[in-house]
Amino acid sequence: MLKYYFSVHGNFKKDIDVKKLEAEIGKKAFKTTFLKDSLGKPENKSAKISYRSTIKNDVYVDQEFEKFLMSASPLISKITKYLDDFEGKLWITIVFTNLGEKPSIALSTNSIAMLHNLRANFDIDFI
């Protein structure tokens, strides 16, 4: 059976207080990482905040993705406003956890416009 979820992930090169950002958003993050706790080379370290949707199984992933963007835009916009000041990047990802059926993966012009307006990068992961 097809299973996937949507992930919203912010990376910040400057030391943003991810717990304070989480409180401002008003929703518990799936994961937060302070810059001081980030692993890797110093030039690759970043503060992180991640959210994820519930597990989905509808084969029309494109339609579900557009619905997700419409409902999550207010939350995502709260992250977007910090991108410039804290050298951040925003990623919205479709994460497939099981591919029992071939999904329909396409982005509508509406989804593309929403990604652009949110200043979000797009990714697809298979785990």
C-alpha atoms as a PDB file:
ATOM      1  CA  MET A   1       0.000   0.000   0.000  1.00  0.00           C
ATOM      2  CA  LEU A   2       1.261   3.469  -0.909  1.00  0.00           C
ATOM      3  CA  LYS A   3       2.285   5.528   2.138  1.00  0.00           C
ATOM      4  CA  TYR A   4       3.786   9.000   2.305  1.00  0.00           C
ATOM      5  CA  TYR A   5       3.812  12.227   4.271  1.00  0.00           C
ATOM      6  CA  PHE A   6       4.731  15.856   3.666  1.00  0.00           C
ATOM      7  CA  SER A   7       7.638  17.469   5.471  1.00  0.00           C
ATOM      8  CA  VAL A   8       8.377  21.167   6.072  1.00  0.00           C
ATOM      9  CA  HIS A   9      11.973  21.768   7.029  1.00  0.00           C
ATOM     10  CA  GLY A  10      13.765  25.043   7.779  1.00  0.00           C
ATOM     11  CA  ASN A  11      17.576  25.296   7.965  1.00  0.00           C
ATOM     12  CA  PHE A  12      19.213  28.431   9.349  1.00  0.00           C
ATOM     13  CA  LYS A  13      22.933  29.243   9.132  1.00  0.00           C
ATOM     14  CA  LYS A  14      22.646  31.893  11.860  1.00  0.00           C
ATOM     15  CA  ASP A  15      21.731  30.965  15.411  1.00  0.00           C
ATOM     16  CA  ILE A  16      17.953  31.289  15.469  1.00  0.00           C
ATOM     17  CA  ASP A  17      16.234  30.087  18.644  1.00  0.00           C
ATOM     18  CA  VAL A  18      14.300  27.148  17.153  1.00  0.00           C
ATOM     19  CA  LYS A  19      12.295  26.583  20.364  1.00  0.00           C
ATOM     20  CA  LYS A  20      11.184  30.240  20.331  1.00  0.00           C
ATOM     21  CA  LEU A  21      10.258  29.898  16.659  1.00  0.00           C
ATOM     22  CA  GLU A  22       8.301  26.727  17.456  1.00  0.00           C
ATOM     23  CA  ALA A  23       6.391  28.632  20.170  1.00  0.00           C
ATOM     24  CA  GLU A  24       5.659  31.481  17.762  1.00  0.00           C
ATOM     25  CA  ILE A  25       4.342  29.044  15.169  1.00  0.00           C
ATOM     26  CA  GLY A  26       2.076  27.585  17.839  1.00  0.00           C
ATOM     27  CA  LYS A  27       2.557  23.990  16.777  1.00  0.00           C
ATOM     28  CA  LYS A  28       4.931  21.381  18.167  1.00  0.00           C
ATOM     29  CA  ALA A  29       7.709  20.613  15.695  1.00  0.00           C
ATOM     30  CA  PHE A  30       8.585  17.041  14.758  1.00  0.00           C
ATOM     31  CA  LYS A  31      12.218  17.920  15.423  1.00  0.00           C
ATOM     32  CA  THR A  32      14.295  20.963  16.363  1.00  0.00           C
ATOM     33  CA  THR A  33      18.073  21.333  16.414  1.00  0.00           C
ATOM     34  CA  PHE A  34      19.962  24.303  17.813  1.00  0.00           C
ATOM     35  CA  LEU A  35      22.973  25.493  15.813  1.00  0.00           C
ATOM     36  CA  LYS A  36      25.312  24.487  18.676  1.00  0.00           C
ATOM     37  CA  ASP A  37      23.920  20.923  18.521  1.00  0.00           C
ATOM     38  CA  SER A  38      24.188  20.551  14.750  1.00  0.00           C
ATOM     39  CA  LEU A  39      26.573  17.869  13.502  1.00  0.00           C
ATOM     40  CA  GLY A  40      29.063  18.006  10.657  1.00  0.00           C
ATOM     41  CA  LYS A  41      31.643  20.453   9.401  1.00  0.00           C
ATOM     42  CA  PRO A  42      31.328  23.989  10.787  1.00  0.00           C
ATOM     43  CA  GLU A  43      30.401  25.393   7.361  1.00  0.00           C
ATOM     44  CA  ASN A  44      27.558  22.851   7.058  1.00  0.00           C
ATOM     45  CA  LYS A  45      26.032  23.328  10.516  1.00  0.00           C
ATOM     46  CA  SER A  46      22.584  24.840  10.797  1.00  0.00           C
ATOM     47  CA  ALA A  47      19.738  25.321  13.242  1.00  0.00           C
ATOM     48  CA  LYS A  48      16.755  23.265  12.102  1.00  0.00           C
ATOM     49  CA  ILE A  49      13.021  23.048  12.582  1.00  0.00           C
ATOM     50  CA  SER A  50      10.945  20.273  11.004  1.00  0.00           C
ATOM     51  CA  TYR A  51       7.258  19.538  10.731  1.00  0.00           C
ATOM     52  CA  ARG A  52       5.514  16.613   9.094  1.00  0.00           C
ATOM     53  CA  SER A  53       1.976  15.758   8.133  1.00  0.00           C
ATOM     54  CA  THR A  54       0.036  12.649   8.995  1.00  0.00           C
ATOM     55  CA  ILE A  55       0.624   9.547   6.868  1.00  0.00           C
ATOM     56  CA  LYS A  56      -1.309   9.619   3.589  1.00  0.00           C
ATOM     57  CA  ASN A  57      -2.138   6.777   1.195  1.00  0.00           C
ATOM     58  CA  ASP A  58      -4.125   8.424  -1.608  1.00  0.00           C
ATOM     59  CA  VAL A  59      -2.562   7.610  -4.991  1.00  0.00           C
ATOM     60  CA  TYR A  60      -3.240  11.156  -6.245  1.00  0.00           C
ATOM     61  CA  VAL A  61      -0.284  12.636  -4.430  1.00  0.00           C
ATOM     62  CA  ASP A  62      -0.424  15.802  -6.526  1.00  0.00           C
ATOM     63  CA  GLN A  63      -3.921  16.639  -5.297  1.00  0.00           C
ATOM     64  CA  GLU A  64      -3.033  15.844  -1.691  1.00  0.00           C
ATOM     65  CA  PHE A  65       0.096  17.987  -1.981  1.00  0.00           C
ATOM     66  CA  GLU A  66      -1.890  20.988  -3.181  1.00  0.00           C
ATOM     67  CA  LYS A  67      -4.397  20.546  -0.319  1.00  0.00           C
ATOM     68  CA  PHE A  68      -1.508  20.323   2.138  1.00  0.00           C
ATOM     69  CA  LEU A  69       0.089  23.517   0.819  1.00  0.00           C
ATOM     70  CA  MET A  70      -3.199  25.395   1.089  1.00  0.00           C
ATOM     71  CA  SER A  71      -3.800  24.286   4.674  1.00  0.00           C
ATOM     72  CA  ALA A  72      -0.177  24.606   5.857  1.00  0.00           C
ATOM     73  CA  SER A  73       0.640  27.964   4.229  1.00  0.00           C
ATOM     74  CA  PRO A  74      -0.072  30.023   7.385  1.00  0.00           C
ATOM     75  CA  LEU A  75       2.333  27.838   9.415  1.00  0.00           C
ATOM     76  CA  ILE A  76       4.961  27.843   6.668  1.00  0.00           C
ATOM     77  CA  SER A  77       4.720  31.637   6.269  1.00  0.00           C
ATOM     78  CA  LYS A  78       5.806  32.034   9.899  1.00  0.00           C
ATOM     79  CA  ILE A  79       9.060  30.234   9.056  1.00  0.00           C
ATOM     80  CA  THR A  80       9.515  32.079   5.747  1.00  0.00           C
ATOM     81  CA  LYS A  81       9.665  35.496   7.405  1.00  0.00           C
ATOM     82  CA  TYR A  82      12.919  34.474   9.176  1.00  0.00           C
ATOM     83  CA  LEU A  83      14.775  33.194   6.100  1.00  0.00           C
ATOM     84  CA  ASP A  84      16.616  36.434   5.255  1.00  0.00           C
ATOM     85  CA  ASP A  85      17.622  37.490   8.770  1.00  0.00           C
ATOM     86  CA  PHE A  86      18.959  34.053   9.729  1.00  0.00           C
ATOM     87  CA  GLU A  87      20.303  32.906   6.335  1.00  0.00           C
ATOM     88  CA  GLY A  88      17.657  30.230   6.077  1.00  0.00           C
ATOM     89  CA  LYS A  89      16.361  27.861   3.456  1.00  0.00           C
ATOM     90  CA  LEU A  90      12.986  26.182   3.438  1.00  0.00           C
ATOM     91  CA  TRP A  91      12.282  22.723   2.040  1.00  0.00           C
ATOM     92  CA  ILE A  92       8.909  21.088   1.466  1.00  0.00           C
ATOM     93  CA  THR A  93       9.283  17.396   0.746  1.00  0.00           C
ATOM     94  CA  ILE A  94       7.067  14.510  -0.227  1.00  0.00           C
ATOM     95  CA  VAL A  95       8.478  11.533   1.681  1.00  0.00           C
ATOM     96  CA  PHE A  96       7.416   8.093   0.427  1.00  0.00           C
ATOM     97  CA  THR A  97       7.724   5.325   2.985  1.00  0.00           C
ATOM     98  CA  ASN A  98       6.053   2.572   0.941  1.00  0.00           C
ATOM     99  CA  LEU A  99       5.455   2.360  -2.822  1.00  0.00           C
ATOM    100  CA  GLY A 100       2.892  -0.424  -3.118  1.00  0.00           C
ATOM    101  CA  GLU A 101       1.290   1.437  -6.016  1.00  0.00           C
ATOM    102  CA  LYS A 102       2.645   3.930  -8.549  1.00  0.00           C
ATOM    103  CA  PRO A 103       1.800   7.410  -7.294  1.00  0.00           C
ATOM    104  CA  SER A 104       0.789  10.349  -9.450  1.00  0.00           C
ATOM    105  CA  ILE A 105       3.498  12.937  -8.883  1.00  0.00           C
ATOM    106  CA  ALA A 106       2.900  16.247 -10.573  1.00  0.00           C
ATOM    107  CA  LEU A 107       2.816  19.852  -9.467  1.00  0.00           C
ATOM    108  CA  SER A 108      -0.113  22.013 -10.497  1.00  0.00           C
ATOM    109  CA  THR A 109       0.511  25.630 -11.433  1.00  0.00           C
ATOM    110  CA  ASN A 110      -1.240  26.510  -8.165  1.00  0.00           C
ATOM    111  CA  SER A 111       1.221  24.342  -6.166  1.00  0.00           C
ATOM    112  CA  ILE A 112       4.178  25.863  -8.014  1.00  0.00           C
ATOM    113  CA  ALA A 113       2.899  29.368  -7.279  1.00  0.00           C
ATOM    114  CA  MET A 114       2.416  28.536  -3.591  1.00  0.00           C
ATOM    115  CA  LEU A 115       5.953  27.101  -3.363  1.00  0.00           C
ATOM    116  CA  HIS A 116       7.286  30.262  -5.003  1.00  0.00           C
ATOM    117  CA  ASN A 117       5.318  32.571  -2.694  1.00  0.00           C
ATOM    118  CA  LEU A 118       6.527  30.629   0.345  1.00  0.00           C
ATOM    119  CA  ARG A 119      10.129  30.751  -0.989  1.00  0.00           C
ATOM    120  CA  ALA A 120      10.258  26.989  -0.570  1.00  0.00           C
ATOM    121  CA  ASN A 121      12.474  24.446  -2.267  1.00  0.00           C
ATOM    122  CA  PHE A 122      10.800  21.192  -3.310  1.00  0.00           C
ATOM    123  CA  ASP A 123      12.081  17.664  -2.875  1.00  0.00           C
ATOM    124  CA  ILE A 124      10.887  14.052  -3.121  1.00  0.00           C
ATOM    125  CA  ASP A 125      12.436  11.379  -0.881  1.00  0.00           C
ATOM    126  CA  PHE A 126      12.014   7.603  -0.843  1.00  0.00           C
ATOM    127  CA  ILE A 127      12.837   5.907   2.438  1.00  0.00           C
END
